Amino acid sequence: MLNFRPIKIGGFMQIGVPKETWPGEVRAAMVPANASKLINQGFSVAVQSGLGSASGYSDAEYAEAGATVSDDRASLLAGSDIVMAVRKPDAADVSSLKKGALYVSFLDPFNEKPLVESVAAQGATAISMEMVPRSTRAQKMDALSSQANLAGYVTVIQASFHLPKIMPMMMTPSGTISPARVFVIGAGVAGLQAIATAKRLGARVEAFDTRPVVAEQVQSLGAKFVEIDLGDTGQTDQGYAKELTPEQVEMQREGQKAIISQSDVVITTAQLFGRPAPQIVGRDMVESMKPGSVIIDMAVETGGNVEGSVMNEVVEINGVKVVGQGNLPGEVARNASDMYSNNLLNLVMEFWDSEAKTLNLDPEDEIIAACVITRDGAVVNETIKNIYSGG
């Protein structure tokens, strides 16, 4: 068991926020309004110049909020007690962290063993935002959900852009236009937002999920829930879909074929936490769609749900556009930065004692136990430790 050792700094605790260097990443981990809130709570905040430029926030706005704006990335990292980022750090960033610092970002710990172990060796405490539990108390810190919500919206906007017809039914003197048919595969946070957005645009929407428990949510949004009997499926205790057997995947594919062939738009959102996405739309299904139809593969970053989809490309297969753009929340970078920054602010404030100037990362706390990956020079998260050891 870990000893409880709160991170405590005399006087001010500095939060450092570097500019994202991941190719194509336009989100910022801190927005000026939240920098101001943290400063009012007793923190000092330092941000790298250009942090918010891609999401519409200037250096001047951060300075007006009370933050220090720095051009020296390495010094910013080395001088910070807490480092906040969107993407995982590279080797240079890890080596710049001071011992005992807290690093918070999406870390992909299931697939980044060398990186996680290097953070541990550096003596830093790492929080992985993917690992924040889906509980009532942790909702305000759930960055996976906040970003997936926006991604679901973006998928429909992308589909409407690429589709050579309008979404709603329209009755005109020139004739009646039938509504576009949209089929959403996966009714998690992203899928439900895609359903809601497509309905707002006037489309006829159908949806499928391996978890029958979400049927009521789909129907409450005005969509038809497609029933395909896959046998025992269900969901994990965190609300994620359980991985299907190869036989169940084939049953799902067969059950979806007829619906896909009649759809103008197919949006796939099926992802497995920490594992490659399942391929659920084969090339034969793509080719069965009418020319001009559109498929949005939201899972392309983790392998893709659609055979033939390519990361950050629009591929045309038999007249059907297969859109495989990554980082969908980045398409609405302003809102994505606001929401992610709010998640980080809520995480810090949940454990901050403003009088004692102490961040109480109690290892017995259910949220801390779930999302802290490294501490005191070791990988401490039980789930990740078991994966790394082959358990």
Protein backbone atom coordinates (compact mmCIF):
# COMPACT_ATOMS: atom_id res chain seq x y z
CA MET A 1 0.00 0.00 0.00
CA LEU A 2 1.24 3.49 -0.80
CA ASN A 3 1.93 5.85 2.02
CA PHE A 4 -0.16 9.00 1.92
CA ARG A 5 2.20 11.81 1.04
CA PRO A 6 0.44 14.94 -0.18
CA ILE A 7 2.25 17.12 -2.66
CA LYS A 8 2.96 20.29 -0.72
CA ILE A 9 4.83 23.41 -1.74
CA GLY A 10 5.51 26.33 0.55
CA GLY A 11 3.95 29.54 -0.80
CA PHE A 12 2.81 29.19 -4.41
CA MET A 13 2.51 26.01 -6.41
CA GLN A 14 3.28 26.59 -10.10
CA ILE A 15 1.17 25.09 -12.86
CA GLY A 16 2.94 24.94 -16.19
CA VAL A 17 1.12 24.44 -19.49
CA PRO A 18 3.27 23.76 -22.57
CA LYS A 19 2.08 24.27 -26.14
CA GLU A 20 1.06 21.03 -27.83
CA THR A 21 3.64 19.62 -30.25
CA TRP A 22 1.72 16.54 -31.40
CA PRO A 23 1.18 16.82 -35.20
CA GLY A 24 -2.20 18.40 -35.87
CA GLU A 25 -3.09 18.97 -32.22
CA VAL A 26 -4.82 22.34 -31.91
CA ARG A 27 -6.36 22.05 -28.44
CA ALA A 28 -4.98 23.77 -25.34
CA ALA A 29 -4.95 22.28 -21.85
CA MET A 30 -5.57 25.65 -20.22
CA VAL A 31 -7.79 28.57 -21.22
CA PRO A 32 -7.40 32.09 -19.78
CA ALA A 33 -10.58 31.97 -17.67
CA ASN A 34 -9.37 28.88 -15.84
CA ALA A 35 -5.88 30.28 -15.42
CA SER A 36 -7.49 33.18 -13.59
CA LYS A 37 -9.51 30.83 -11.38
CA LEU A 38 -6.43 28.83 -10.41
CA ILE A 39 -4.44 31.98 -9.65
CA ASN A 40 -7.27 33.14 -7.37
CA GLN A 41 -6.97 29.82 -5.53
CA GLY A 42 -3.30 30.41 -4.74
CA PHE A 43 -1.52 28.87 -7.71
CA SER A 44 0.85 30.60 -10.07
CA VAL A 45 0.33 29.73 -13.74
CA ALA A 46 2.93 29.77 -16.52
CA VAL A 47 2.03 29.00 -20.14
CA GLN A 48 4.15 28.59 -23.23
CA SER A 49 3.77 31.32 -25.83
CA GLY A 50 1.29 30.30 -28.51
CA LEU A 51 -0.51 27.82 -26.26
CA GLY A 52 -4.00 28.93 -27.25
CA SER A 53 -3.42 30.46 -30.67
CA ALA A 54 -4.99 27.55 -32.59
CA SER A 55 -8.10 27.63 -30.41
CA GLY A 56 -8.54 31.40 -30.53
CA TYR A 57 -6.78 32.49 -27.32
CA SER A 58 -3.93 35.00 -27.57
CA ASP A 59 -0.90 35.30 -25.31
CA ALA A 60 -2.26 38.68 -24.23
CA GLU A 61 -5.43 37.05 -22.87
CA TYR A 62 -3.36 34.67 -20.73
CA ALA A 63 -1.27 37.58 -19.48
CA GLU A 64 -4.41 39.56 -18.65
CA ALA A 65 -5.65 36.56 -16.65
CA GLY A 66 -2.48 36.75 -14.56
CA ALA A 67 -0.45 33.97 -16.15
CA THR A 68 3.23 34.24 -17.03
CA VAL A 69 3.86 33.71 -20.74
CA SER A 70 7.19 32.02 -21.51
CA ASP A 71 9.08 31.15 -24.70
CA ASP A 72 11.33 28.66 -22.89
CA ARG A 73 9.57 25.29 -22.90
CA ALA A 74 12.26 23.38 -21.02
CA SER A 75 12.46 25.97 -18.22
CA LEU A 76 8.68 26.10 -17.96
CA LEU A 77 8.52 22.33 -17.49
CA ALA A 78 11.45 22.22 -15.09
CA GLY A 79 10.01 24.99 -12.92
CA SER A 80 6.47 23.61 -12.63
CA ASP A 81 5.02 21.56 -9.78
CA ILE A 82 2.04 20.57 -11.94
CA VAL A 83 2.25 20.21 -15.73
CA MET A 84 -0.98 20.07 -17.73
CA ALA A 85 -1.18 18.93 -21.35
CA VAL A 86 -3.55 17.36 -23.85
CA ARG A 87 -1.24 14.79 -25.42
CA LYS A 88 1.40 12.55 -23.88
CA PRO A 89 4.92 13.99 -23.45
CA ASP A 90 7.89 13.18 -25.63
CA ALA A 91 11.27 12.09 -24.22
CA ALA A 92 12.60 15.66 -24.00
CA ASP A 93 9.57 16.80 -22.01
CA VAL A 94 9.87 13.88 -19.61
CA SER A 95 13.56 14.61 -18.98
CA SER A 96 12.66 18.25 -18.19
CA LEU A 97 10.20 17.36 -15.42
CA LYS A 98 11.46 17.89 -11.91
CA LYS A 99 11.32 15.08 -9.38
CA GLY A 100 8.01 15.06 -7.55
CA ALA A 101 6.18 17.03 -10.24
CA LEU A 102 2.66 16.05 -11.26
CA TYR A 103 2.09 15.49 -14.99
CA VAL A 104 -1.53 15.38 -16.21
CA SER A 105 -2.61 14.52 -19.78
CA PHE A 106 -4.02 11.78 -21.96
CA LEU A 107 -1.25 9.17 -21.65
CA ASP A 108 -2.58 6.02 -23.38
CA PRO A 109 -0.97 3.95 -20.61
CA PHE A 110 -2.21 0.62 -21.99
CA ASN A 111 -0.06 1.07 -25.09
CA GLU A 112 2.77 3.32 -23.86
CA LYS A 113 4.74 1.17 -21.42
CA PRO A 114 8.21 2.67 -22.18
CA LEU A 115 6.84 6.21 -21.85
CA VAL A 116 5.05 5.50 -18.58
CA GLU A 117 8.11 3.79 -17.14
CA SER A 118 10.29 6.76 -18.15
CA VAL A 119 7.94 9.13 -16.31
CA ALA A 120 8.18 6.89 -13.24
CA ALA A 121 11.99 6.81 -13.51
CA GLN A 122 11.99 10.62 -13.66
CA GLY A 123 10.28 10.61 -10.25
CA ALA A 124 7.13 12.31 -11.51
CA THR A 125 3.57 11.50 -10.56
CA ALA A 126 1.46 10.94 -13.68
CA ILE A 127 -2.31 11.19 -14.03
CA SER A 128 -3.84 9.70 -17.17
CA MET A 129 -7.09 11.45 -18.10
CA GLU A 130 -8.30 8.31 -19.91
CA MET A 131 -8.37 6.55 -16.55
CA VAL A 132 -10.67 8.94 -14.69
CA PRO A 133 -13.53 6.66 -13.62
CA ARG A 134 -17.05 7.04 -14.96
CA SER A 135 -18.68 7.76 -11.62
CA THR A 136 -21.09 10.46 -10.52
CA ARG A 137 -18.41 12.23 -8.48
CA ALA A 138 -15.87 12.13 -11.33
CA GLN A 139 -18.24 13.29 -14.08
CA LYS A 140 -16.91 16.84 -14.03
CA MET A 141 -13.38 15.50 -14.63
CA ASP A 142 -14.30 12.99 -17.35
CA ALA A 143 -12.32 14.31 -20.31
CA LEU A 144 -12.96 11.24 -22.46
CA SER A 145 -16.68 12.02 -22.35
CA SER A 146 -16.32 15.77 -22.83
CA GLN A 147 -14.19 15.29 -25.93
CA ALA A 148 -16.30 12.40 -27.29
CA ASN A 149 -19.39 14.58 -27.01
CA LEU A 150 -17.84 17.14 -29.34
CA ALA A 151 -16.49 14.45 -31.65
CA GLY A 152 -19.99 13.04 -32.10
CA TYR A 153 -21.25 16.45 -33.16
CA VAL A 154 -18.38 16.90 -35.60
CA THR A 155 -19.02 13.56 -37.33
CA VAL A 156 -22.48 14.74 -38.43
CA ILE A 157 -21.21 18.13 -39.60
CA GLN A 158 -18.52 16.37 -41.64
CA ALA A 159 -21.07 13.99 -43.11
CA SER A 160 -23.37 16.83 -44.12
CA PHE A 161 -20.45 18.61 -45.79
CA HIS A 162 -19.46 15.58 -47.89
CA LEU A 163 -23.01 14.41 -48.66
CA PRO A 164 -24.37 15.67 -52.02
CA LYS A 165 -27.85 16.12 -50.55
CA ILE A 166 -29.47 17.90 -47.61
CA MET A 167 -30.28 16.26 -44.29
CA PRO A 168 -33.92 17.32 -43.70
CA MET A 169 -37.07 16.61 -45.64
CA MET A 170 -38.04 19.67 -47.64
CA MET A 171 -41.34 20.34 -49.41
CA THR A 172 -40.98 22.87 -52.21
CA PRO A 173 -42.93 23.93 -55.33
CA SER A 174 -40.28 21.98 -57.27
CA GLY A 175 -41.03 18.78 -55.39
CA THR A 176 -40.47 17.03 -52.08
CA ILE A 177 -36.96 16.10 -50.92
CA SER A 178 -36.77 13.01 -48.75
CA PRO A 179 -34.71 13.22 -45.55
CA ALA A 180 -31.24 11.71 -45.51
CA ARG A 181 -30.96 8.32 -43.82
CA VAL A 182 -28.29 8.22 -41.15
CA PHE A 183 -27.14 5.04 -39.42
CA VAL A 184 -25.06 5.46 -36.25
CA ILE A 185 -23.15 2.40 -35.00
CA GLY A 186 -22.38 2.73 -31.31
CA ALA A 187 -24.51 4.68 -28.84
CA GLY A 188 -21.96 5.80 -26.31
CA VAL A 189 -21.35 9.47 -25.57
CA ALA A 190 -20.18 10.23 -29.12
CA GLY A 191 -22.86 8.13 -30.77
CA LEU A 192 -25.69 9.69 -28.80
CA GLN A 193 -24.46 13.18 -29.68
CA ALA A 194 -24.24 12.16 -33.35
CA ILE A 195 -27.82 10.87 -33.18
CA ALA A 196 -29.05 14.08 -31.53
CA THR A 197 -27.23 16.30 -34.05
CA ALA A 198 -28.47 14.34 -37.07
CA LYS A 199 -32.04 14.55 -35.74
CA ARG A 200 -31.70 18.31 -35.23
CA LEU A 201 -30.67 18.58 -38.87
CA GLY A 202 -33.81 16.69 -39.84
CA ALA A 203 -32.37 13.35 -40.87
CA ARG A 204 -34.05 9.99 -40.44
CA VAL A 205 -31.81 8.26 -37.90
CA GLU A 206 -31.29 4.63 -36.95
CA ALA A 207 -28.74 3.39 -34.45
CA PHE A 208 -27.27 0.15 -33.14
CA ASP A 209 -25.25 -0.71 -30.06
CA THR A 210 -24.15 -4.04 -28.63
CA ARG A 211 -25.57 -2.95 -25.27
CA PRO A 212 -29.37 -3.31 -25.32
CA VAL A 213 -29.51 -1.13 -22.20
CA VAL A 214 -28.96 2.00 -24.34
CA ALA A 215 -32.02 1.41 -26.55
CA GLU A 216 -34.15 3.72 -24.42
CA GLN A 217 -31.60 6.54 -24.72
CA VAL A 218 -31.52 6.15 -28.51
CA GLN A 219 -35.31 6.21 -28.72
CA SER A 220 -35.54 9.23 -26.43
CA LEU A 221 -33.58 11.18 -29.04
CA GLY A 222 -36.10 10.28 -31.71
CA ALA A 223 -34.04 7.60 -33.46
CA LYS A 224 -34.93 3.99 -34.17
CA PHE A 225 -32.91 1.41 -32.25
CA VAL A 226 -31.92 -1.49 -34.51
CA GLU A 227 -32.17 -4.86 -32.76
CA ILE A 228 -29.63 -7.53 -33.67
CA ASP A 229 -29.54 -10.60 -31.45
CA LEU A 230 -25.88 -11.18 -30.56
CA GLY A 231 -26.47 -13.27 -27.47
CA ASP A 232 -24.74 -12.21 -24.24
CA THR A 233 -23.06 -8.78 -24.68
CA GLY A 234 -23.63 -6.10 -22.02
CA GLN A 235 -21.16 -3.50 -20.77
CA THR A 236 -18.28 -3.10 -18.33
CA ASP A 237 -18.70 -1.59 -14.87
CA GLN A 238 -17.39 1.68 -16.37
CA GLY A 239 -20.15 1.70 -19.00
CA TYR A 240 -18.01 0.67 -21.96
CA ALA A 241 -19.11 -1.97 -24.45
CA LYS A 242 -17.58 -5.38 -23.84
CA GLU A 243 -15.42 -6.87 -26.59
CA LEU A 244 -17.41 -9.19 -28.86
CA THR A 245 -16.37 -12.68 -29.82
CA PRO A 246 -15.43 -13.24 -33.50
CA GLU A 247 -18.78 -14.99 -33.95
CA GLN A 248 -20.67 -12.03 -32.48
CA VAL A 249 -18.77 -9.59 -34.69
CA GLU A 250 -19.84 -11.59 -37.76
CA MET A 251 -23.45 -11.65 -36.53
CA GLN A 252 -23.33 -7.88 -36.09
CA ARG A 253 -21.91 -7.39 -39.58
CA GLU A 254 -24.63 -9.55 -41.15
CA GLY A 255 -27.38 -7.77 -39.21
CA GLN A 256 -26.16 -4.35 -40.33
CA LYS A 257 -25.67 -5.10 -44.01
CA ALA A 258 -29.20 -4.31 -45.16
CA ILE A 259 -29.39 -1.07 -43.15
CA ILE A 260 -26.00 0.14 -44.37
CA SER A 261 -26.92 -0.47 -48.01
CA GLN A 262 -29.99 1.78 -47.63
CA SER A 263 -28.22 4.56 -45.69
CA ASP A 264 -26.94 7.84 -47.04
CA VAL A 265 -24.62 8.28 -44.05
CA VAL A 266 -23.02 5.72 -41.77
CA ILE A 267 -21.19 6.92 -38.64
CA THR A 268 -19.14 4.35 -36.74
CA THR A 269 -18.11 5.08 -33.14
CA ALA A 270 -17.20 1.61 -31.84
CA GLN A 271 -14.03 1.75 -29.75
CA LEU A 272 -12.59 -0.55 -27.10
CA PHE A 273 -10.85 1.01 -24.13
CA GLY A 274 -7.09 0.45 -24.43
CA ARG A 275 -7.39 -1.91 -27.42
CA PRO A 276 -7.64 -1.63 -31.22
CA ALA A 277 -11.08 -0.75 -32.56
CA PRO A 278 -13.11 -3.63 -34.04
CA GLN A 279 -13.60 -3.69 -37.82
CA ILE A 280 -17.38 -3.87 -38.23
CA VAL A 281 -17.97 -2.46 -41.70
CA GLY A 282 -16.38 -4.56 -44.43
CA ARG A 283 -15.56 -3.43 -47.94
CA ASP A 284 -18.57 -5.37 -49.26
CA MET A 285 -20.84 -3.20 -47.08
CA VAL A 286 -19.18 -0.02 -48.30
CA GLU A 287 -19.64 -1.12 -51.91
CA SER A 288 -23.30 -1.90 -51.26
CA MET A 289 -24.05 1.78 -50.56
CA LYS A 290 -25.27 4.20 -53.21
CA PRO A 291 -22.62 6.37 -54.92
CA GLY A 292 -22.45 9.71 -53.12
CA SER A 293 -23.01 8.12 -49.72
CA VAL A 294 -20.67 8.94 -46.85
CA ILE A 295 -19.10 6.93 -44.03
CA ILE A 296 -17.44 8.65 -41.06
CA ASP A 297 -15.03 6.32 -39.24
CA MET A 298 -14.66 7.91 -35.84
CA ALA A 299 -12.39 5.08 -34.62
CA VAL A 300 -9.73 5.54 -37.32
CA GLU A 301 -7.12 6.66 -34.74
CA THR A 302 -7.27 3.27 -33.02
CA GLY A 303 -7.33 1.09 -36.13
CA GLY A 304 -10.72 1.94 -37.58
CA ASN A 305 -14.16 0.36 -37.77
CA VAL A 306 -14.30 0.49 -41.56
CA GLU A 307 -12.26 -1.60 -43.97
CA GLY A 308 -10.40 0.80 -46.23
CA SER A 309 -10.51 3.89 -44.02
CA VAL A 310 -7.22 5.78 -43.81
CA MET A 311 -6.10 8.12 -41.05
CA ASN A 312 -6.61 11.78 -42.01
CA GLU A 313 -7.78 10.96 -45.53
CA VAL A 314 -11.03 10.83 -47.48
CA VAL A 315 -10.97 7.60 -49.48
CA GLU A 316 -13.47 6.98 -52.26
CA ILE A 317 -14.60 3.36 -52.64
CA ASN A 318 -17.04 2.61 -55.44
CA GLY A 319 -18.35 6.20 -55.28
CA VAL A 320 -18.69 6.16 -51.47
CA LYS A 321 -16.61 8.60 -49.43
CA VAL A 322 -14.96 7.04 -46.38
CA VAL A 323 -13.80 9.84 -44.05
CA GLY A 324 -11.07 8.87 -41.59
CA GLN A 325 -10.11 12.12 -39.93
CA GLY A 326 -8.37 11.94 -36.59
CA ASN A 327 -8.64 14.33 -33.64
CA LEU A 328 -12.28 15.19 -34.29
CA PRO A 329 -12.60 17.40 -31.18
CA GLY A 330 -9.85 19.54 -32.69
CA GLU A 331 -12.30 20.61 -35.40
CA VAL A 332 -14.04 22.65 -32.71
CA ALA A 333 -10.84 23.51 -30.87
CA ARG A 334 -12.27 26.46 -28.94
CA ASN A 335 -14.98 24.41 -27.25
CA ALA A 336 -12.73 21.37 -26.92
CA SER A 337 -10.09 23.44 -25.14
CA ASP A 338 -12.70 25.02 -22.86
CA MET A 339 -14.14 21.66 -21.87
CA TYR A 340 -10.82 19.87 -21.41
CA SER A 341 -9.48 22.79 -19.39
CA ASN A 342 -12.60 22.62 -17.22
CA ASN A 343 -11.97 18.89 -16.67
CA LEU A 344 -8.43 19.62 -15.49
CA LEU A 345 -9.56 22.52 -13.30
CA ASN A 346 -12.18 20.33 -11.64
CA LEU A 347 -9.66 17.55 -11.09
CA VAL A 348 -7.20 19.85 -9.34
CA MET A 349 -9.82 21.65 -7.27
CA GLU A 350 -11.33 18.37 -6.09
CA PHE A 351 -8.08 17.63 -4.23
CA TRP A 352 -6.75 21.12 -3.46
CA ASP A 353 -6.58 22.47 0.08
CA SER A 354 -6.34 26.22 -0.55
CA GLU A 355 -5.48 27.05 3.08
CA ALA A 356 -2.66 24.54 3.43
CA LYS A 357 -1.58 25.00 -0.21
CA THR A 358 -1.59 21.22 -0.54
CA LEU A 359 -2.72 18.89 -3.27
CA ASN A 360 -3.99 15.82 -1.45
CA LEU A 361 -3.57 12.89 -3.80
CA ASP A 362 -4.73 10.26 -1.33
CA PRO A 363 -4.06 6.81 -2.86
CA GLU A 364 -7.09 5.49 -0.99
CA ASP A 365 -9.41 7.84 -2.90
CA GLU A 366 -11.28 5.97 -5.66
CA ILE A 367 -10.57 8.60 -8.31
CA ILE A 368 -6.87 8.85 -7.46
CA ALA A 369 -6.52 5.07 -7.32
CA ALA A 370 -8.01 4.84 -10.81
CA CYS A 371 -6.17 7.62 -12.65
CA VAL A 372 -2.74 7.96 -11.00
CA ILE A 373 -0.36 5.81 -13.04
CA THR A 374 3.08 6.57 -11.57
CA ARG A 375 4.21 7.79 -8.17
CA ASP A 376 7.38 7.73 -6.07
CA GLY A 377 9.44 6.26 -8.91
CA ALA A 378 7.13 3.36 -9.72
CA VAL A 379 4.08 2.38 -11.76
CA VAL A 380 1.40 2.18 -9.06
CA ASN A 381 -1.90 1.79 -10.93
CA GLU A 382 -3.04 -1.79 -10.33
CA THR A 383 -4.66 -2.25 -13.76
CA ILE A 384 -1.62 -0.95 -15.63
CA LYS A 385 0.84 -2.83 -13.42
CA ASN A 386 -0.95 -6.10 -14.20
CA ILE A 387 -0.87 -5.41 -17.94
CA TYR A 388 2.84 -4.55 -17.88
CA SER A 389 3.67 -7.67 -15.89
CA GLY A 390 1.55 -9.86 -18.17
CA GLY A 391 -0.95 -10.56 -15.40
